[in-house]
Amino acid sequence: MEILLIALIPAICIFVVSAGTNSKFWTTIAAIVAAAVGIFLGNPFYILIDLASVAVVYWLSMSAILEQSTPKVVIPKAKPATNKDDYSGLILGALGVLGYVGYQILSSGPTVSSTPAPSPPNLRQQNAVVPIQPPFQSAPVNATPQPKRPAIQVPKPTVQKCLEIQSEEKMVACLERLR
């Protein structure tokens, strides 16, 4: 329902211009501006709803203007009056084409290549492995604390061991740990 109300905002502007000016020219200009606003500022998924609301209100406004401008005299056996200056069908068609083109432009977006970009050969892909931890379990209330085990001491590397490392980066890191 909100989508229809949002789509009616530019259409209401057409109605206000039509009622205020009672001019076919300004009503047509308002319809073109309202359609452009709907196409370029609206959501691409709702362009058709925006254009349909603009078209319906434009048609109703033009009908009201033309009804006021025609005389109320009834002539028997007269053919319906055709107004050669009535471009409403042309305007509605142009709005439809403009909407279609705008939708195609806005929905195309940037194209994405299906082949992945080559990665530099000196970089290795590192996969992070997250250890799975068991859920937290509270200790029973009457449990006796267990004695702690002594921490395992990792022997520090010696300078001689660090100098035997083949990789320069790892060797520097090892020597930094000795400081």
C-alpha atoms as a PDB file:
ATOM      1  CA  MET A   1       0.000   0.000   0.000  1.00  0.00           C
ATOM      2  CA  GLU A   2       2.893   2.355   0.804  1.00  0.00           C
ATOM      3  CA  ILE A   3       4.293   1.800  -2.676  1.00  0.00           C
ATOM      4  CA  LEU A   4       1.106   3.097  -4.258  1.00  0.00           C
ATOM      5  CA  LEU A   5       1.087   6.133  -1.991  1.00  0.00           C
ATOM      6  CA  ILE A   6       4.688   6.897  -2.896  1.00  0.00           C
ATOM      7  CA  ALA A   7       3.858   6.473  -6.592  1.00  0.00           C
ATOM      8  CA  LEU A   8       0.984   8.957  -6.232  1.00  0.00           C
ATOM      9  CA  ILE A   9       3.231  11.780  -4.968  1.00  0.00           C
ATOM     10  CA  PRO A  10       4.422  12.868  -8.464  1.00  0.00           C
ATOM     11  CA  ALA A  11       0.928  12.193  -9.821  1.00  0.00           C
ATOM     12  CA  ILE A  12      -0.624  14.554  -7.280  1.00  0.00           C
ATOM     13  CA  CYS A  13       1.726  17.271  -8.563  1.00  0.00           C
ATOM     14  CA  ILE A  14       0.221  16.804 -12.035  1.00  0.00           C
ATOM     15  CA  PHE A  15      -3.259  17.165 -10.591  1.00  0.00           C
ATOM     16  CA  VAL A  16      -2.315  20.347  -8.725  1.00  0.00           C
ATOM     17  CA  VAL A  17      -0.771  21.894 -11.854  1.00  0.00           C
ATOM     18  CA  SER A  18      -3.794  20.881 -13.918  1.00  0.00           C
ATOM     19  CA  ALA A  19      -6.295  22.300 -11.448  1.00  0.00           C
ATOM     20  CA  GLY A  20      -4.284  25.453 -10.887  1.00  0.00           C
ATOM     21  CA  THR A  21      -3.480  26.387 -14.487  1.00  0.00           C
ATOM     22  CA  ASN A  22      -6.229  24.629 -16.459  1.00  0.00           C
ATOM     23  CA  SER A  23      -3.646  24.462 -19.256  1.00  0.00           C
ATOM     24  CA  LYS A  24      -2.874  21.481 -21.442  1.00  0.00           C
ATOM     25  CA  PHE A  25       0.690  22.702 -21.969  1.00  0.00           C
ATOM     26  CA  TRP A  26       1.586  23.014 -18.273  1.00  0.00           C
ATOM     27  CA  THR A  27      -0.169  19.769 -17.425  1.00  0.00           C
ATOM     28  CA  THR A  28       1.897  17.980 -20.072  1.00  0.00           C
ATOM     29  CA  ILE A  29       5.114  19.557 -18.766  1.00  0.00           C
ATOM     30  CA  ALA A  30       4.191  18.486 -15.223  1.00  0.00           C
ATOM     31  CA  ALA A  31       3.552  14.930 -16.460  1.00  0.00           C
ATOM     32  CA  ILE A  32       6.935  14.785 -18.193  1.00  0.00           C
ATOM     33  CA  VAL A  33       8.718  16.083 -15.091  1.00  0.00           C
ATOM     34  CA  ALA A  34       6.806  13.669 -12.831  1.00  0.00           C
ATOM     35  CA  ALA A  35       7.673  10.738 -15.098  1.00  0.00           C
ATOM     36  CA  ALA A  36      11.348  11.757 -15.137  1.00  0.00           C
ATOM     37  CA  VAL A  37      11.358  11.995 -11.337  1.00  0.00           C
ATOM     38  CA  GLY A  38       9.792   8.549 -11.083  1.00  0.00           C
ATOM     39  CA  ILE A  39      12.308   7.042 -13.491  1.00  0.00           C
ATOM     40  CA  PHE A  40      15.512   8.642 -12.308  1.00  0.00           C
ATOM     41  CA  LEU A  41      14.874   9.026  -8.580  1.00  0.00           C
ATOM     42  CA  GLY A  42      12.525   6.134  -7.913  1.00  0.00           C
ATOM     43  CA  ASN A  43      13.263   2.525  -7.185  1.00  0.00           C
ATOM     44  CA  PRO A  44      13.931   0.605 -10.429  1.00  0.00           C
ATOM     45  CA  PHE A  45      11.581  -2.166  -9.330  1.00  0.00           C
ATOM     46  CA  TYR A  46       8.633   0.243  -9.111  1.00  0.00           C
ATOM     47  CA  ILE A  47       9.137   2.312 -12.280  1.00  0.00           C
ATOM     48  CA  LEU A  48       6.074   0.790 -13.931  1.00  0.00           C
ATOM     49  CA  ILE A  49       3.880   1.667 -10.945  1.00  0.00           C
ATOM     50  CA  ASP A  50       5.246   5.223 -10.923  1.00  0.00           C
ATOM     51  CA  LEU A  51       4.622   5.652 -14.641  1.00  0.00           C
ATOM     52  CA  ALA A  52       1.177   4.085 -14.455  1.00  0.00           C
ATOM     53  CA  SER A  53       0.106   6.486 -11.707  1.00  0.00           C
ATOM     54  CA  VAL A  54       1.493   9.441 -13.698  1.00  0.00           C
ATOM     55  CA  ALA A  55      -0.278   8.238 -16.845  1.00  0.00           C
ATOM     56  CA  VAL A  56      -3.639   7.745 -15.125  1.00  0.00           C
ATOM     57  CA  VAL A  57      -3.592  11.143 -13.416  1.00  0.00           C
ATOM     58  CA  TYR A  58      -2.395  12.807 -16.628  1.00  0.00           C
ATOM     59  CA  TRP A  59      -5.253  11.208 -18.560  1.00  0.00           C
ATOM     60  CA  LEU A  60      -7.799  12.238 -15.922  1.00  0.00           C
ATOM     61  CA  SER A  61      -6.431  15.782 -15.814  1.00  0.00           C
ATOM     62  CA  MET A  62      -6.442  16.153 -19.594  1.00  0.00           C
ATOM     63  CA  SER A  63      -9.977  14.771 -19.735  1.00  0.00           C
ATOM     64  CA  ALA A  64     -11.109  17.356 -17.185  1.00  0.00           C
ATOM     65  CA  ILE A  65      -9.375  20.183 -19.080  1.00  0.00           C
ATOM     66  CA  LEU A  66     -10.842  19.107 -22.417  1.00  0.00           C
ATOM     67  CA  GLU A  67     -14.309  18.689 -20.892  1.00  0.00           C
ATOM     68  CA  GLN A  68     -14.221  22.231 -19.549  1.00  0.00           C
ATOM     69  CA  SER A  69     -13.049  23.663 -22.864  1.00  0.00           C
ATOM     70  CA  THR A  70     -15.727  21.996 -25.014  1.00  0.00           C
ATOM     71  CA  PRO A  71     -19.157  23.641 -25.219  1.00  0.00           C
ATOM     72  CA  LYS A  72     -22.071  21.900 -23.520  1.00  0.00           C
ATOM     73  CA  VAL A  73     -24.388  22.334 -26.517  1.00  0.00           C
ATOM     74  CA  VAL A  74     -25.743  19.023 -27.795  1.00  0.00           C
ATOM     75  CA  ILE A  75     -26.122  18.815 -31.546  1.00  0.00           C
ATOM     76  CA  PRO A  76     -28.228  15.929 -32.791  1.00  0.00           C
ATOM     77  CA  LYS A  77     -26.523  13.374 -35.072  1.00  0.00           C
ATOM     78  CA  ALA A  78     -23.164  15.040 -34.657  1.00  0.00           C
ATOM     79  CA  LYS A  79     -19.961  13.062 -34.804  1.00  0.00           C
ATOM     80  CA  PRO A  80     -17.857  13.181 -31.681  1.00  0.00           C
ATOM     81  CA  ALA A  81     -15.514  16.147 -31.774  1.00  0.00           C
ATOM     82  CA  THR A  82     -11.909  15.232 -32.429  1.00  0.00           C
ATOM     83  CA  ASN A  83      -9.358  17.575 -31.034  1.00  0.00           C
ATOM     84  CA  LYS A  84      -6.334  17.787 -33.319  1.00  0.00           C
ATOM     85  CA  ASP A  85      -4.293  19.353 -30.540  1.00  0.00           C
ATOM     86  CA  ASP A  86      -4.811  16.391 -28.221  1.00  0.00           C
ATOM     87  CA  TYR A  87      -1.411  14.756 -27.828  1.00  0.00           C
ATOM     88  CA  SER A  88      -2.268  12.718 -24.757  1.00  0.00           C
ATOM     89  CA  GLY A  89      -1.842   9.382 -26.567  1.00  0.00           C
ATOM     90  CA  LEU A  90       1.531  10.488 -27.887  1.00  0.00           C
ATOM     91  CA  ILE A  91       2.612  11.684 -24.448  1.00  0.00           C
ATOM     92  CA  LEU A  92       1.513   8.439 -22.799  1.00  0.00           C
ATOM     93  CA  GLY A  93       3.388   6.429 -25.418  1.00  0.00           C
ATOM     94  CA  ALA A  94       6.504   8.557 -24.938  1.00  0.00           C
ATOM     95  CA  LEU A  95       6.252   8.085 -21.163  1.00  0.00           C
ATOM     96  CA  GLY A  96       6.043   4.340 -21.671  1.00  0.00           C
ATOM     97  CA  VAL A  97       9.102   4.277 -23.927  1.00  0.00           C
ATOM     98  CA  LEU A  98      10.994   6.559 -21.539  1.00  0.00           C
ATOM     99  CA  GLY A  99      10.091   4.287 -18.643  1.00  0.00           C
ATOM    100  CA  TYR A 100      11.215   1.184 -20.487  1.00  0.00           C
ATOM    101  CA  VAL A 101      14.545   2.735 -21.468  1.00  0.00           C
ATOM    102  CA  GLY A 102      15.089   4.047 -17.932  1.00  0.00           C
ATOM    103  CA  TYR A 103      14.330   0.649 -16.466  1.00  0.00           C
ATOM    104  CA  GLN A 104      16.775  -1.043 -18.849  1.00  0.00           C
ATOM    105  CA  ILE A 105      19.504   1.453 -17.992  1.00  0.00           C
ATOM    106  CA  LEU A 106      18.984   1.232 -14.247  1.00  0.00           C
ATOM    107  CA  SER A 107      18.582  -2.535 -14.105  1.00  0.00           C
ATOM    108  CA  SER A 108      21.617  -3.389 -16.244  1.00  0.00           C
ATOM    109  CA  GLY A 109      24.179  -2.188 -13.670  1.00  0.00           C
ATOM    110  CA  PRO A 110      27.869  -2.983 -13.986  1.00  0.00           C
ATOM    111  CA  THR A 111      28.755  -6.244 -15.648  1.00  0.00           C
ATOM    112  CA  VAL A 112      30.750  -8.777 -13.665  1.00  0.00           C
ATOM    113  CA  SER A 113      33.323 -11.013 -15.306  1.00  0.00           C
ATOM    114  CA  SER A 114      32.783 -14.724 -14.786  1.00  0.00           C
ATOM    115  CA  THR A 115      36.516 -15.501 -14.702  1.00  0.00           C
ATOM    116  CA  PRO A 116      38.285 -14.707 -11.443  1.00  0.00           C
ATOM    117  CA  ALA A 117      41.183 -12.273 -11.517  1.00  0.00           C
ATOM    118  CA  PRO A 118      44.598 -13.958 -11.326  1.00  0.00           C
ATOM    119  CA  SER A 119      46.241 -13.686  -7.932  1.00  0.00           C
ATOM    120  CA  PRO A 120      49.892 -12.760  -7.564  1.00  0.00           C
ATOM    121  CA  PRO A 121      52.087 -15.883  -7.459  1.00  0.00           C
ATOM    122  CA  ASN A 122      53.993 -14.826  -4.333  1.00  0.00           C
ATOM    123  CA  LEU A 123      50.878 -14.713  -2.146  1.00  0.00           C
ATOM    124  CA  ARG A 124      49.647 -17.909  -0.589  1.00  0.00           C
ATOM    125  CA  GLN A 125      46.047 -18.350   0.316  1.00  0.00           C
ATOM    126  CA  GLN A 126      45.653 -18.839   4.006  1.00  0.00           C
ATOM    127  CA  ASN A 127      42.635 -20.717   5.229  1.00  0.00           C
ATOM    128  CA  ALA A 128      41.643 -19.888   8.754  1.00  0.00           C
ATOM    129  CA  VAL A 129      40.613 -22.926  10.739  1.00  0.00           C
ATOM    130  CA  VAL A 130      38.403 -22.110  13.683  1.00  0.00           C
ATOM    131  CA  PRO A 131      38.651 -24.712  16.419  1.00  0.00           C
ATOM    132  CA  ILE A 132      35.341 -26.104  17.585  1.00  0.00           C
ATOM    133  CA  GLN A 133      34.896 -25.580  21.298  1.00  0.00           C
ATOM    134  CA  PRO A 134      32.565 -27.697  23.358  1.00  0.00           C
ATOM    135  CA  PRO A 135      29.711 -25.839  25.031  1.00  0.00           C
ATOM    136  CA  PHE A 136      30.433 -24.424  28.484  1.00  0.00           C
ATOM    137  CA  GLN A 137      29.660 -26.858  31.261  1.00  0.00           C
ATOM    138  CA  SER A 138      29.536 -25.753  34.834  1.00  0.00           C
ATOM    139  CA  ALA A 139      31.235 -27.885  37.442  1.00  0.00           C
ATOM    140  CA  PRO A 140      29.036 -29.759  39.892  1.00  0.00           C
ATOM    141  CA  VAL A 141      28.519 -27.990  43.212  1.00  0.00           C
ATOM    142  CA  ASN A 142      30.122 -30.747  45.350  1.00  0.00           C
ATOM    143  CA  ALA A 143      33.052 -31.426  43.050  1.00  0.00           C
ATOM    144  CA  THR A 144      36.537 -31.227  44.487  1.00  0.00           C
ATOM    145  CA  PRO A 145      39.016 -29.134  42.565  1.00  0.00           C
ATOM    146  CA  GLN A 146      41.562 -31.161  40.659  1.00  0.00           C
ATOM    147  CA  PRO A 147      45.231 -30.332  41.043  1.00  0.00           C
ATOM    148  CA  LYS A 148      46.661 -28.184  38.281  1.00  0.00           C
ATOM    149  CA  ARG A 149      49.259 -29.694  36.031  1.00  0.00           C
ATOM    150  CA  PRO A 150      52.533 -27.879  35.699  1.00  0.00           C
ATOM    151  CA  ALA A 151      52.836 -25.799  32.557  1.00  0.00           C
ATOM    152  CA  ILE A 152      54.919 -27.310  29.805  1.00  0.00           C
ATOM    153  CA  GLN A 153      58.099 -25.326  29.358  1.00  0.00           C
ATOM    154  CA  VAL A 154      59.067 -24.758  25.750  1.00  0.00           C
ATOM    155  CA  PRO A 155      62.830 -24.487  25.495  1.00  0.00           C
ATOM    156  CA  LYS A 156      64.054 -21.184  24.119  1.00  0.00           C
ATOM    157  CA  PRO A 157      65.911 -21.509  20.858  1.00  0.00           C
ATOM    158  CA  THR A 158      69.595 -20.835  20.909  1.00  0.00           C
ATOM    159  CA  VAL A 159      71.417 -18.477  18.588  1.00  0.00           C
ATOM    160  CA  GLN A 160      72.951 -21.464  16.824  1.00  0.00           C
ATOM    161  CA  LYS A 161      69.484 -22.983  16.137  1.00  0.00           C
ATOM    162  CA  CYS A 162      68.191 -19.634  14.817  1.00  0.00           C
ATOM    163  CA  LEU A 163      71.137 -19.277  12.434  1.00  0.00           C
ATOM    164  CA  GLU A 164      70.442 -22.736  10.976  1.00  0.00           C
ATOM    165  CA  ILE A 165      66.940 -21.675   9.777  1.00  0.00           C
ATOM    166  CA  GLN A 166      66.864 -21.417   5.965  1.00  0.00           C
ATOM    167  CA  SER A 167      64.218 -18.684   5.644  1.00  0.00           C
ATOM    168  CA  GLU A 168      65.609 -15.237   6.362  1.00  0.00           C
ATOM    169  CA  GLU A 169      62.287 -13.940   7.710  1.00  0.00           C
ATOM    170  CA  LYS A 170      61.932 -16.839  10.134  1.00  0.00           C
ATOM    171  CA  MET A 171      65.578 -16.486  11.172  1.00  0.00           C
ATOM    172  CA  VAL A 172      65.088 -12.788  12.001  1.00  0.00           C
ATOM    173  CA  ALA A 173      61.928 -13.602  13.926  1.00  0.00           C
ATOM    174  CA  CYS A 174      63.746 -16.273  15.904  1.00  0.00           C
ATOM    175  CA  LEU A 175      66.597 -13.907  16.758  1.00  0.00           C
ATOM    176  CA  GLU A 176      64.084 -11.244  17.824  1.00  0.00           C
ATOM    177  CA  ARG A 177      62.573 -13.693  20.314  1.00  0.00           C
ATOM    178  CA  LEU A 178      65.983 -14.223  21.893  1.00  0.00           C
ATOM    179  CA  ARG A 179      66.373 -10.574  22.894  1.00  0.00           C
END
